[in-house]
Amino acid sequence: MFKKFMAKLGVGSAKVDLLLPNPEYAMNEIVHGTIRVQGGNVEQEMNSIAVELWLQVVSKKGQTFTHKIASIPVVQPFVIGANATREFSFTYKLPEGLPISAGNVSYHFKTHLDIAGGVDSADHDAIRILAPARFYSLFEAFDRLGFREKHGSGDFNGYKQEFELFPTNFLAGQVKEVEFEAAIEQEGIRMLLELDVPSFGREIELKREIFLSNALMDDIEKLAETLKQIMTETLDQAHLYQSNRMSFGHGHHHHAHHKSGLGGAIGGMAAGLFGGMLAAEMLDEMMDGAEEAFGDFEGEEEGGFLDDFFGGEED
C-alpha cells in the first residue's frame, strides 16, 4: 500500500525513455526510434504515450521562442508490472521547410508518459535537423573561394533563414559580405544570392536569383568556378541587380525587408509559427541597431537625423 501511495506521488513510479539511433536527421527524413518504459516499484496503468517535436529560436536579445511542431500519439492505454520493461516502436517523418539546426535554431523531442492517477513521466532528446547533403556542397564551394561562414549564420529571423559568409581571398576588399537563402528543389537548389558592397559609407545590396543543378552540386570544383563567375558578373553589372534598399552604419545588417525573399526557402515553413512575435522582436533589434548606427549623425535638436530618415514623429 505504501509503495502504491509513493508511486502516485512519482516516487518509484514508471519512467519513459526515447531511444534514437543518432541525433541528426535530414529534413523530410523518417525518424525511427524505440520508446522504453521502465516499470516502477508497483504495477501501474498507463493512459498513453505521445512524442512531441519542439522548435526553439533564441533572439539576439536572449528571448526564447518555442513552438510545438507536432504531437505524435504512439501508445494507447496499457498496464506495466512492477520492475517490468516494455518497448514500443516510434516512427515520424520530419516535415520539409523547417529551419535547419544552425545559429539560433534548435529542436528536441519530448516524450510524455501519461500515468493514470499518478505523476506523469517525460523525456527530452535534442536532435539536429539538417538540409540534404547536397546543400552543404555550397559551403564547400564557397570555402574553396576563400569565404568563411560568419558567427550567427543560419539564424532564423521570423521570416526566413539566411546564411552569411565573408571573403578572405576572392572579392576581399570589394565585397563586405555574401548572403544567401536557398530552396531545395527536386532538380537542384535555387538561391537568392546577395552581395553587400561598400560604397561611400554605406552598403549597396546586389541581389540575384540563381539555380544550381544537382549535377553541378556534385562537382565541387565546377560549382566553385560557377559561383565565382556569377559573383564577378553581378559586380560587373551592378546596375542590373541593385536592391532598392541600402544599409547604413556598422555591423547592423538586418533590415525590415526580411519578409520578402525566395519562395520555398529553407525555414519558410516556420514564418507563421510564432504569430509574428519573433518577427516583431527581430524588428525591434534592427531598430535598436539603426539607432546606434545613426547616433553620431543626430543633431542637438529634438528628432535629429533618425527622425528625418524614418519619417519623423506621427501627427
C-alpha atoms as a PDB file:
ATOM      1  CA  MET A   1       0.000   0.000   0.000  1.00  0.00           C
ATOM      2  CA  PHE A   2       2.780   2.420   0.888  1.00  0.00           C
ATOM      3  CA  LYS A   3       4.563   1.722  -2.420  1.00  0.00           C
ATOM      4  CA  LYS A   4       1.365   2.469  -4.369  1.00  0.00           C
ATOM      5  CA  PHE A   5       0.912   5.716  -2.489  1.00  0.00           C
ATOM      6  CA  MET A   6       4.503   6.787  -3.164  1.00  0.00           C
ATOM      7  CA  ALA A   7       4.197   5.806  -6.843  1.00  0.00           C
ATOM      8  CA  LYS A   8       1.200   8.145  -7.163  1.00  0.00           C
ATOM      9  CA  LEU A   9       3.495  10.908  -5.921  1.00  0.00           C
ATOM     10  CA  GLY A  10       6.106   9.990  -8.517  1.00  0.00           C
ATOM     11  CA  VAL A  11       8.466   8.140  -6.177  1.00  0.00           C
ATOM     12  CA  GLY A  12       9.277   4.702  -7.535  1.00  0.00           C
ATOM     13  CA  SER A  13       6.965   5.319 -10.488  1.00  0.00           C
ATOM     14  CA  ALA A  14       7.367   4.188 -14.127  1.00  0.00           C
ATOM     15  CA  LYS A  15       9.782   6.109 -16.347  1.00  0.00           C
ATOM     16  CA  VAL A  16       9.899   6.653 -20.102  1.00  0.00           C
ATOM     17  CA  ASP A  17      12.909   6.969 -22.411  1.00  0.00           C
ATOM     18  CA  LEU A  18      13.036   7.640 -26.168  1.00  0.00           C
ATOM     19  CA  LEU A  19      15.980   5.837 -27.749  1.00  0.00           C
ATOM     20  CA  LEU A  20      17.208   7.194 -31.096  1.00  0.00           C
ATOM     21  CA  PRO A  21      19.994   5.643 -33.209  1.00  0.00           C
ATOM     22  CA  ASN A  22      21.542   9.077 -33.866  1.00  0.00           C
ATOM     23  CA  PRO A  23      20.813  12.736 -33.082  1.00  0.00           C
ATOM     24  CA  GLU A  24      20.962  14.092 -36.655  1.00  0.00           C
ATOM     25  CA  TYR A  25      18.339  13.839 -39.393  1.00  0.00           C
ATOM     26  CA  ALA A  26      17.756  15.494 -42.750  1.00  0.00           C
ATOM     27  CA  MET A  27      14.505  17.349 -43.316  1.00  0.00           C
ATOM     28  CA  ASN A  28      11.826  15.038 -44.733  1.00  0.00           C
ATOM     29  CA  GLU A  29      13.700  12.017 -43.316  1.00  0.00           C
ATOM     30  CA  ILE A  30      11.835   9.317 -41.394  1.00  0.00           C
ATOM     31  CA  VAL A  31      12.938   9.063 -37.769  1.00  0.00           C
ATOM     32  CA  HIS A  32      12.899   5.552 -36.343  1.00  0.00           C
ATOM     33  CA  GLY A  33      13.312   5.004 -32.619  1.00  0.00           C
ATOM     34  CA  THR A  34      12.270   2.949 -29.625  1.00  0.00           C
ATOM     35  CA  ILE A  35      10.261   4.088 -26.628  1.00  0.00           C
ATOM     36  CA  ARG A  36      11.244   2.187 -23.500  1.00  0.00           C
ATOM     37  CA  VAL A  37       9.028   2.191 -20.411  1.00  0.00           C
ATOM     38  CA  GLN A  38      10.628   1.009 -17.206  1.00  0.00           C
ATOM     39  CA  GLY A  39       8.139  -0.093 -14.578  1.00  0.00           C
ATOM     40  CA  GLY A  40       8.406   1.238 -11.056  1.00  0.00           C
ATOM     41  CA  ASN A  41       8.000  -0.414  -7.686  1.00  0.00           C
ATOM     42  CA  VAL A  42       4.359  -1.334  -8.290  1.00  0.00           C
ATOM     43  CA  GLU A  43       2.089  -2.250 -11.188  1.00  0.00           C
ATOM     44  CA  GLN A  44       0.684   0.880 -12.857  1.00  0.00           C
ATOM     45  CA  GLU A  45      -1.814   1.723 -15.574  1.00  0.00           C
ATOM     46  CA  MET A  46      -0.616   3.997 -18.398  1.00  0.00           C
ATOM     47  CA  ASN A  47      -3.138   6.153 -20.245  1.00  0.00           C
ATOM     48  CA  SER A  48      -0.976   6.919 -23.275  1.00  0.00           C
ATOM     49  CA  ILE A  49       2.421   7.807 -24.692  1.00  0.00           C
ATOM     50  CA  ALA A  50       2.905  10.720 -27.088  1.00  0.00           C
ATOM     51  CA  VAL A  51       6.025  12.256 -28.605  1.00  0.00           C
ATOM     52  CA  GLU A  52       6.171  15.979 -29.385  1.00  0.00           C
ATOM     53  CA  LEU A  53       8.617  17.769 -31.693  1.00  0.00           C
ATOM     54  CA  TRP A  54       9.547  21.227 -30.422  1.00  0.00           C
ATOM     55  CA  LEU A  55      11.313  24.083 -32.221  1.00  0.00           C
ATOM     56  CA  GLN A  56      13.224  26.687 -30.209  1.00  0.00           C
ATOM     57  CA  VAL A  57      14.521  30.014 -31.517  1.00  0.00           C
ATOM     58  CA  VAL A  58      16.570  32.416 -29.382  1.00  0.00           C
ATOM     59  CA  SER A  59      16.623  36.074 -30.385  1.00  0.00           C
ATOM     60  CA  LYS A  60      19.715  38.240 -30.125  1.00  0.00           C
ATOM     61  CA  LYS A  61      18.227  39.819 -27.022  1.00  0.00           C
ATOM     62  CA  GLY A  62      18.149  36.384 -25.406  1.00  0.00           C
ATOM     63  CA  GLN A  63      14.401  35.920 -25.562  1.00  0.00           C
ATOM     64  CA  THR A  64      13.423  32.295 -26.211  1.00  0.00           C
ATOM     65  CA  PHE A  65      10.548  31.406 -28.522  1.00  0.00           C
ATOM     66  CA  THR A  66       9.238  27.822 -28.636  1.00  0.00           C
ATOM     67  CA  HIS A  67       6.657  26.141 -30.826  1.00  0.00           C
ATOM     68  CA  LYS A  68       5.297  22.614 -30.895  1.00  0.00           C
ATOM     69  CA  ILE A  69       5.674  21.367 -34.455  1.00  0.00           C
ATOM     70  CA  ALA A  70       3.852  18.084 -33.981  1.00  0.00           C
ATOM     71  CA  SER A  71       2.346  15.737 -31.397  1.00  0.00           C
ATOM     72  CA  ILE A  72       2.597  12.083 -32.382  1.00  0.00           C
ATOM     73  CA  PRO A  73       0.409   9.601 -30.442  1.00  0.00           C
ATOM     74  CA  VAL A  74       2.295   6.335 -30.039  1.00  0.00           C
ATOM     75  CA  VAL A  75       0.641   4.061 -27.461  1.00  0.00           C
ATOM     76  CA  GLN A  76      -2.881   3.706 -26.132  1.00  0.00           C
ATOM     77  CA  PRO A  77      -3.681   2.521 -22.542  1.00  0.00           C
ATOM     78  CA  PHE A  78      -1.660  -0.387 -21.174  1.00  0.00           C
ATOM     79  CA  VAL A  79      -0.525  -1.820 -17.851  1.00  0.00           C
ATOM     80  CA  ILE A  80       3.096  -2.349 -16.837  1.00  0.00           C
ATOM     81  CA  GLY A  81       4.099  -4.588 -13.976  1.00  0.00           C
ATOM     82  CA  ALA A  82       6.496  -3.746 -11.180  1.00  0.00           C
ATOM     83  CA  ASN A  83      10.097  -3.519 -12.441  1.00  0.00           C
ATOM     84  CA  ALA A  84       8.973  -4.723 -15.894  1.00  0.00           C
ATOM     85  CA  THR A  85      10.244  -3.259 -19.159  1.00  0.00           C
ATOM     86  CA  ARG A  86       8.168  -2.632 -22.264  1.00  0.00           C
ATOM     87  CA  GLU A  87       9.316  -1.243 -25.598  1.00  0.00           C
ATOM     88  CA  PHE A  88       7.339   0.368 -28.420  1.00  0.00           C
ATOM     89  CA  SER A  89       8.476   1.422 -31.884  1.00  0.00           C
ATOM     90  CA  PHE A  90       8.414   5.099 -32.852  1.00  0.00           C
ATOM     91  CA  THR A  91       8.277   6.418 -36.418  1.00  0.00           C
ATOM     92  CA  TYR A  92       7.883  10.013 -37.591  1.00  0.00           C
ATOM     93  CA  LYS A  93       8.576  11.742 -40.896  1.00  0.00           C
ATOM     94  CA  LEU A  94      10.124  15.171 -40.424  1.00  0.00           C
ATOM     95  CA  PRO A  95       8.371  17.924 -42.401  1.00  0.00           C
ATOM     96  CA  GLU A  96      10.005  19.987 -45.129  1.00  0.00           C
ATOM     97  CA  GLY A  97      10.510  23.731 -44.910  1.00  0.00           C
ATOM     98  CA  LEU A  98      11.631  23.900 -41.292  1.00  0.00           C
ATOM     99  CA  PRO A  99      14.706  25.955 -40.396  1.00  0.00           C
ATOM    100  CA  ILE A 100      17.738  23.721 -40.149  1.00  0.00           C
ATOM    101  CA  SER A 101      19.650  23.466 -36.881  1.00  0.00           C
ATOM    102  CA  ALA A 102      22.091  26.349 -37.076  1.00  0.00           C
ATOM    103  CA  GLY A 103      22.718  29.624 -35.321  1.00  0.00           C
ATOM    104  CA  ASN A 104      19.775  30.293 -33.031  1.00  0.00           C
ATOM    105  CA  VAL A 105      17.634  27.307 -34.060  1.00  0.00           C
ATOM    106  CA  SER A 106      17.358  24.053 -32.085  1.00  0.00           C
ATOM    107  CA  TYR A 107      14.979  21.101 -31.785  1.00  0.00           C
ATOM    108  CA  HIS A 108      14.046  18.414 -29.294  1.00  0.00           C
ATOM    109  CA  PHE A 109      11.612  15.540 -28.915  1.00  0.00           C
ATOM    110  CA  LYS A 110       9.589  15.497 -25.714  1.00  0.00           C
ATOM    111  CA  THR A 111       8.203  12.060 -24.854  1.00  0.00           C
ATOM    112  CA  HIS A 112       5.232  12.198 -22.486  1.00  0.00           C
ATOM    113  CA  LEU A 113       4.084   9.180 -20.474  1.00  0.00           C
ATOM    114  CA  ASP A 114       0.578   9.776 -19.100  1.00  0.00           C
ATOM    115  CA  ILE A 115       0.252   7.707 -15.912  1.00  0.00           C
ATOM    116  CA  ALA A 116      -3.260   7.071 -14.627  1.00  0.00           C
ATOM    117  CA  GLY A 117      -3.697   8.510 -11.162  1.00  0.00           C
ATOM    118  CA  GLY A 118      -0.017   9.396 -10.848  1.00  0.00           C
ATOM    119  CA  VAL A 119       2.705  11.874 -11.726  1.00  0.00           C
ATOM    120  CA  ASP A 120       3.467  11.749 -15.434  1.00  0.00           C
ATOM    121  CA  SER A 121       6.951  10.997 -16.730  1.00  0.00           C
ATOM    122  CA  ALA A 122       8.725  12.893 -19.528  1.00  0.00           C
ATOM    123  CA  ASP A 123      11.923  12.532 -21.516  1.00  0.00           C
ATOM    124  CA  HIS A 124      13.722  15.179 -23.610  1.00  0.00           C
ATOM    125  CA  ASP A 125      16.013  14.336 -26.519  1.00  0.00           C
ATOM    126  CA  ALA A 126      17.783  17.044 -28.517  1.00  0.00           C
ATOM    127  CA  ILE A 127      18.081  16.427 -32.255  1.00  0.00           C
ATOM    128  CA  ARG A 128      19.597  18.311 -35.155  1.00  0.00           C
ATOM    129  CA  ILE A 129      17.603  18.808 -38.344  1.00  0.00           C
ATOM    130  CA  LEU A 130      19.865  19.223 -41.363  1.00  0.00           C
ATOM    131  CA  ALA A 131      19.381  20.077 -45.008  1.00  0.00           C
ATOM    132  CA  PRO A 132      20.022  17.423 -47.679  1.00  0.00           C
ATOM    133  CA  ALA A 133      23.724  16.653 -48.123  1.00  0.00           C
ATOM    134  CA  ARG A 134      23.941  18.481 -51.460  1.00  0.00           C
ATOM    135  CA  PHE A 135      23.067  21.758 -49.725  1.00  0.00           C
ATOM    136  CA  TYR A 136      26.355  21.655 -47.825  1.00  0.00           C
ATOM    137  CA  SER A 137      28.244  21.475 -51.133  1.00  0.00           C
ATOM    138  CA  LEU A 138      27.563  25.208 -51.330  1.00  0.00           C
ATOM    139  CA  PHE A 139      29.656  25.861 -48.238  1.00  0.00           C
ATOM    140  CA  GLU A 140      32.467  23.660 -49.514  1.00  0.00           C
ATOM    141  CA  ALA A 141      32.495  25.558 -52.813  1.00  0.00           C
ATOM    142  CA  PHE A 142      32.467  28.940 -51.055  1.00  0.00           C
ATOM    143  CA  ASP A 143      35.274  27.676 -48.805  1.00  0.00           C
ATOM    144  CA  ARG A 144      37.400  26.921 -51.865  1.00  0.00           C
ATOM    145  CA  LEU A 145      36.952  30.541 -52.925  1.00  0.00           C
ATOM    146  CA  GLY A 146      38.163  31.742 -49.525  1.00  0.00           C
ATOM    147  CA  PHE A 147      34.798  32.560 -47.949  1.00  0.00           C
ATOM    148  CA  ARG A 148      34.215  31.798 -44.281  1.00  0.00           C
ATOM    149  CA  GLU A 149      30.876  31.435 -42.554  1.00  0.00           C
ATOM    150  CA  LYS A 150      30.084  34.226 -40.095  1.00  0.00           C
ATOM    151  CA  HIS A 151      29.065  33.730 -36.486  1.00  0.00           C
ATOM    152  CA  GLY A 152      25.283  33.643 -36.396  1.00  0.00           C
ATOM    153  CA  SER A 153      24.976  32.408 -39.963  1.00  0.00           C
ATOM    154  CA  GLY A 154      21.771  30.431 -40.313  1.00  0.00           C
ATOM    155  CA  ASP A 155      19.876  32.495 -37.749  1.00  0.00           C
ATOM    156  CA  PHE A 156      16.114  32.455 -38.245  1.00  0.00           C
ATOM    157  CA  ASN A 157      14.720  35.989 -38.029  1.00  0.00           C
ATOM    158  CA  GLY A 158      10.981  35.322 -38.000  1.00  0.00           C
ATOM    159  CA  TYR A 159      10.633  35.315 -41.767  1.00  0.00           C
ATOM    160  CA  LYS A 160      13.447  33.216 -43.176  1.00  0.00           C
ATOM    161  CA  GLN A 161      16.812  31.609 -42.541  1.00  0.00           C
ATOM    162  CA  GLU A 162      19.777  33.393 -44.060  1.00  0.00           C
ATOM    163  CA  PHE A 163      23.366  32.207 -44.395  1.00  0.00           C
ATOM    164  CA  GLU A 164      26.231  34.694 -44.243  1.00  0.00           C
ATOM    165  CA  LEU A 165      29.866  34.487 -45.313  1.00  0.00           C
ATOM    166  CA  PHE A 166      32.758  36.933 -45.566  1.00  0.00           C
ATOM    167  CA  PRO A 167      35.619  36.910 -48.110  1.00  0.00           C
ATOM    168  CA  THR A 168      39.233  36.271 -47.146  1.00  0.00           C
ATOM    169  CA  ASN A 169      40.644  35.977 -50.664  1.00  0.00           C
ATOM    170  CA  PHE A 170      38.418  36.303 -53.728  1.00  0.00           C
ATOM    171  CA  LEU A 171      36.455  39.604 -53.577  1.00  0.00           C
ATOM    172  CA  ALA A 172      38.178  40.658 -50.337  1.00  0.00           C
ATOM    173  CA  GLY A 173      38.076  44.456 -50.242  1.00  0.00           C
ATOM    174  CA  GLN A 174      35.303  44.568 -52.862  1.00  0.00           C
ATOM    175  CA  VAL A 175      32.520  42.767 -51.037  1.00  0.00           C
ATOM    176  CA  LYS A 176      31.872  43.028 -47.324  1.00  0.00           C
ATOM    177  CA  GLU A 177      29.567  40.035 -47.072  1.00  0.00           C
ATOM    178  CA  VAL A 178      27.841  37.376 -49.145  1.00  0.00           C
ATOM    179  CA  GLU A 179      24.404  36.253 -48.020  1.00  0.00           C
ATOM    180  CA  PHE A 180      22.007  33.718 -49.423  1.00  0.00           C
ATOM    181  CA  GLU A 181      18.800  31.870 -48.776  1.00  0.00           C
ATOM    182  CA  ALA A 182      18.134  28.593 -50.533  1.00  0.00           C
ATOM    183  CA  ALA A 183      15.187  26.487 -51.642  1.00  0.00           C
ATOM    184  CA  ILE A 184      15.781  22.754 -52.039  1.00  0.00           C
ATOM    185  CA  GLU A 185      14.114  21.568 -55.243  1.00  0.00           C
ATOM    186  CA  GLN A 186      13.971  18.150 -56.863  1.00  0.00           C
ATOM    187  CA  GLU A 187      16.324  19.071 -59.718  1.00  0.00           C
ATOM    188  CA  GLY A 188      18.685  21.280 -57.746  1.00  0.00           C
ATOM    189  CA  ILE A 189      18.967  24.258 -55.412  1.00  0.00           C
ATOM    190  CA  ARG A 190      17.553  27.696 -56.074  1.00  0.00           C
ATOM    191  CA  MET A 191      19.375  30.546 -54.352  1.00  0.00           C
ATOM    192  CA  LEU A 192      18.709  34.190 -53.688  1.00  0.00           C
ATOM    193  CA  LEU A 193      22.276  35.482 -53.621  1.00  0.00           C
ATOM    194  CA  GLU A 194      23.137  38.872 -52.139  1.00  0.00           C
ATOM    195  CA  LEU A 195      26.445  40.746 -52.309  1.00  0.00           C
ATOM    196  CA  ASP A 196      26.906  43.612 -49.847  1.00  0.00           C
ATOM    197  CA  VAL A 197      29.205  46.128 -51.489  1.00  0.00           C
ATOM    198  CA  PRO A 198      30.731  49.072 -49.541  1.00  0.00           C
ATOM    199  CA  SER A 199      30.053  52.408 -51.235  1.00  0.00           C
ATOM    200  CA  PHE A 200      30.846  55.795 -49.693  1.00  0.00           C
ATOM    201  CA  GLY A 201      29.990  54.919 -46.101  1.00  0.00           C
ATOM    202  CA  ARG A 202      27.035  52.715 -46.888  1.00  0.00           C
ATOM    203  CA  GLU A 203      26.388  49.270 -48.339  1.00  0.00           C
ATOM    204  CA  ILE A 204      24.726  48.589 -51.662  1.00  0.00           C
ATOM    205  CA  GLU A 205      22.879  45.288 -51.898  1.00  0.00           C
ATOM    206  CA  LEU A 206      23.164  43.374 -55.147  1.00  0.00           C
ATOM    207  CA  LYS A 207      20.583  40.572 -55.318  1.00  0.00           C
ATOM    208  CA  ARG A 208      20.305  37.816 -57.873  1.00  0.00           C
ATOM    209  CA  GLU A 209      18.281  34.607 -58.081  1.00  0.00           C
ATOM    210  CA  ILE A 210      20.187  31.625 -59.488  1.00  0.00           C
ATOM    211  CA  PHE A 211      19.584  27.909 -59.995  1.00  0.00           C
ATOM    212  CA  LEU A 212      22.241  25.244 -59.417  1.00  0.00           C
ATOM    213  CA  SER A 213      21.522  21.764 -60.771  1.00  0.00           C
ATOM    214  CA  ASN A 214      22.138  18.569 -58.831  1.00  0.00           C
ATOM    215  CA  ALA A 215      24.825  17.604 -61.347  1.00  0.00           C
ATOM    216  CA  LEU A 216      26.642  20.858 -60.669  1.00  0.00           C
ATOM    217  CA  MET A 217      26.292  20.397 -56.914  1.00  0.00           C
ATOM    218  CA  ASP A 218      28.080  17.035 -57.244  1.00  0.00           C
ATOM    219  CA  ASP A 219      31.149  18.696 -58.810  1.00  0.00           C
ATOM    220  CA  ILE A 220      32.593  20.975 -56.115  1.00  0.00           C
ATOM    221  CA  GLU A 221      35.343  22.392 -58.321  1.00  0.00           C
ATOM    222  CA  LYS A 222      32.907  23.289 -61.090  1.00  0.00           C
ATOM    223  CA  LEU A 223      30.416  24.643 -58.537  1.00  0.00           C
ATOM    224  CA  ALA A 224      33.072  26.928 -57.054  1.00  0.00           C
ATOM    225  CA  GLU A 225      34.030  28.195 -60.519  1.00  0.00           C
ATOM    226  CA  THR A 226      30.359  28.817 -61.364  1.00  0.00           C
ATOM    227  CA  LEU A 227      29.776  30.789 -58.158  1.00  0.00           C
ATOM    228  CA  LYS A 228      32.924  32.797 -58.848  1.00  0.00           C
ATOM    229  CA  GLN A 229      31.717  33.642 -62.339  1.00  0.00           C
ATOM    230  CA  ILE A 230      28.233  34.578 -61.129  1.00  0.00           C
ATOM    231  CA  MET A 231      29.560  36.896 -58.410  1.00  0.00           C
ATOM    232  CA  THR A 232      32.022  38.527 -60.821  1.00  0.00           C
ATOM    233  CA  GLU A 233      29.247  39.157 -63.356  1.00  0.00           C
ATOM    234  CA  THR A 234      26.990  40.536 -60.626  1.00  0.00           C
ATOM    235  CA  LEU A 235      29.620  43.088 -59.621  1.00  0.00           C
ATOM    236  CA  ASP A 236      30.405  43.996 -63.228  1.00  0.00           C
ATOM    237  CA  GLN A 237      26.703  44.576 -63.940  1.00  0.00           C
ATOM    238  CA  ALA A 238      25.774  46.012 -60.571  1.00  0.00           C
ATOM    239  CA  HIS A 239      23.108  48.292 -62.031  1.00  0.00           C
ATOM    240  CA  LEU A 240      21.057  45.242 -63.023  1.00  0.00           C
ATOM    241  CA  TYR A 241      20.999  43.716 -59.557  1.00  0.00           C
ATOM    242  CA  GLN A 242      20.980  46.667 -57.170  1.00  0.00           C
ATOM    243  CA  SER A 243      18.332  46.418 -54.487  1.00  0.00           C
ATOM    244  CA  ASN A 244      16.118  49.400 -53.724  1.00  0.00           C
ATOM    245  CA  ARG A 245      17.238  49.233 -50.122  1.00  0.00           C
ATOM    246  CA  MET A 246      20.636  50.146 -48.767  1.00  0.00           C
ATOM    247  CA  SER A 247      22.072  49.598 -45.313  1.00  0.00           C
ATOM    248  CA  PHE A 248      23.756  52.250 -43.231  1.00  0.00           C
ATOM    249  CA  GLY A 249      26.030  52.107 -40.236  1.00  0.00           C
ATOM    250  CA  HIS A 250      28.349  49.437 -38.968  1.00  0.00           C
ATOM    251  CA  GLY A 251      27.551  45.829 -38.150  1.00  0.00           C
ATOM    252  CA  HIS A 252      23.764  46.082 -38.229  1.00  0.00           C
ATOM    253  CA  HIS A 253      22.611  44.495 -41.414  1.00  0.00           C
ATOM    254  CA  HIS A 254      19.221  43.005 -40.614  1.00  0.00           C
ATOM    255  CA  HIS A 255      16.617  45.050 -42.409  1.00  0.00           C
ATOM    256  CA  ALA A 256      12.871  45.278 -42.391  1.00  0.00           C
ATOM    257  CA  HIS A 257      12.621  43.660 -45.823  1.00  0.00           C
ATOM    258  CA  HIS A 258      13.236  40.159 -44.486  1.00  0.00           C
ATOM    259  CA  LYS A 259       9.598  39.338 -45.231  1.00  0.00           C
ATOM    260  CA  SER A 260      10.409  39.207 -48.941  1.00  0.00           C
ATOM    261  CA  GLY A 261      12.640  36.530 -50.374  1.00  0.00           C
ATOM    262  CA  LEU A 262      12.798  33.209 -52.127  1.00  0.00           C
ATOM    263  CA  GLY A 263       9.639  31.126 -52.270  1.00  0.00           C
ATOM    264  CA  GLY A 264      10.008  27.740 -50.611  1.00  0.00           C
ATOM    265  CA  ALA A 265      13.269  28.707 -48.940  1.00  0.00           C
ATOM    266  CA  ILE A 266      14.666  26.740 -46.007  1.00  0.00           C
ATOM    267  CA  GLY A 267      12.918  27.939 -42.853  1.00  0.00           C
ATOM    268  CA  GLY A 268       9.920  29.334 -44.690  1.00  0.00           C
ATOM    269  CA  MET A 269       7.507  26.928 -43.005  1.00  0.00           C
ATOM    270  CA  ALA A 270       8.299  28.466 -39.614  1.00  0.00           C
ATOM    271  CA  ALA A 271       7.488  32.016 -40.699  1.00  0.00           C
ATOM    272  CA  GLY A 272       3.959  31.896 -39.300  1.00  0.00           C
ATOM    273  CA  LEU A 273       4.504  29.592 -36.343  1.00  0.00           C
ATOM    274  CA  PHE A 274       5.165  32.309 -33.773  1.00  0.00           C
ATOM    275  CA  GLY A 275       2.269  34.578 -34.710  1.00  0.00           C
ATOM    276  CA  GLY A 276       4.579  37.474 -35.577  1.00  0.00           C
ATOM    277  CA  MET A 277       6.101  37.665 -32.085  1.00  0.00           C
ATOM    278  CA  LEU A 278       9.568  36.630 -33.184  1.00  0.00           C
ATOM    279  CA  ALA A 279       9.479  38.884 -36.235  1.00  0.00           C
ATOM    280  CA  ALA A 280       8.479  41.831 -34.036  1.00  0.00           C
ATOM    281  CA  GLU A 281      11.342  41.038 -31.667  1.00  0.00           C
ATOM    282  CA  MET A 282      13.795  40.971 -34.549  1.00  0.00           C
ATOM    283  CA  LEU A 283      12.402  44.244 -35.899  1.00  0.00           C
ATOM    284  CA  ASP A 284      12.993  45.839 -32.501  1.00  0.00           C
ATOM    285  CA  GLU A 285      16.608  44.654 -32.657  1.00  0.00           C
ATOM    286  CA  MET A 286      17.001  46.095 -36.131  1.00  0.00           C
ATOM    287  CA  MET A 287      15.658  49.461 -34.970  1.00  0.00           C
ATOM    288  CA  ASP A 288      17.939  49.431 -31.916  1.00  0.00           C
ATOM    289  CA  GLY A 289      20.865  48.748 -34.219  1.00  0.00           C
ATOM    290  CA  ALA A 290      19.828  51.558 -36.530  1.00  0.00           C
ATOM    291  CA  GLU A 291      19.669  53.977 -33.601  1.00  0.00           C
ATOM    292  CA  GLU A 292      23.213  53.042 -32.615  1.00  0.00           C
ATOM    293  CA  ALA A 293      24.442  53.348 -36.183  1.00  0.00           C
ATOM    294  CA  PHE A 294      22.853  56.757 -36.702  1.00  0.00           C
ATOM    295  CA  GLY A 295      23.664  58.063 -33.230  1.00  0.00           C
ATOM    296  CA  ASP A 296      26.665  60.053 -34.419  1.00  0.00           C
ATOM    297  CA  PHE A 297      24.525  61.858 -37.005  1.00  0.00           C
ATOM    298  CA  GLU A 298      21.813  63.089 -34.673  1.00  0.00           C
ATOM    299  CA  GLY A 299      21.710  66.825 -34.191  1.00  0.00           C
ATOM    300  CA  GLU A 300      21.209  68.695 -30.953  1.00  0.00           C
ATOM    301  CA  GLU A 301      17.595  69.483 -31.813  1.00  0.00           C
ATOM    302  CA  GLU A 302      14.886  67.010 -30.896  1.00  0.00           C
ATOM    303  CA  GLY A 303      14.363  64.300 -33.525  1.00  0.00           C
ATOM    304  CA  GLY A 304      17.651  64.611 -35.371  1.00  0.00           C
ATOM    305  CA  PHE A 305      18.762  62.510 -38.308  1.00  0.00           C
ATOM    306  CA  LEU A 306      16.894  59.336 -37.294  1.00  0.00           C
ATOM    307  CA  ASP A 307      13.512  61.070 -37.340  1.00  0.00           C
ATOM    308  CA  ASP A 308      14.278  62.570 -40.738  1.00  0.00           C
ATOM    309  CA  PHE A 309      15.284  59.197 -42.169  1.00  0.00           C
ATOM    310  CA  PHE A 310      12.381  57.165 -40.746  1.00  0.00           C
ATOM    311  CA  GLY A 311       9.730  59.786 -41.410  1.00  0.00           C
ATOM    312  CA  GLY A 312       9.661  61.869 -38.243  1.00  0.00           C
ATOM    313  CA  GLU A 313       7.052  61.829 -35.479  1.00  0.00           C
ATOM    314  CA  GLU A 314       3.478  60.757 -36.101  1.00  0.00           C
ATOM    315  CA  ASP A 315       0.942  63.505 -36.485  1.00  0.00           C
END
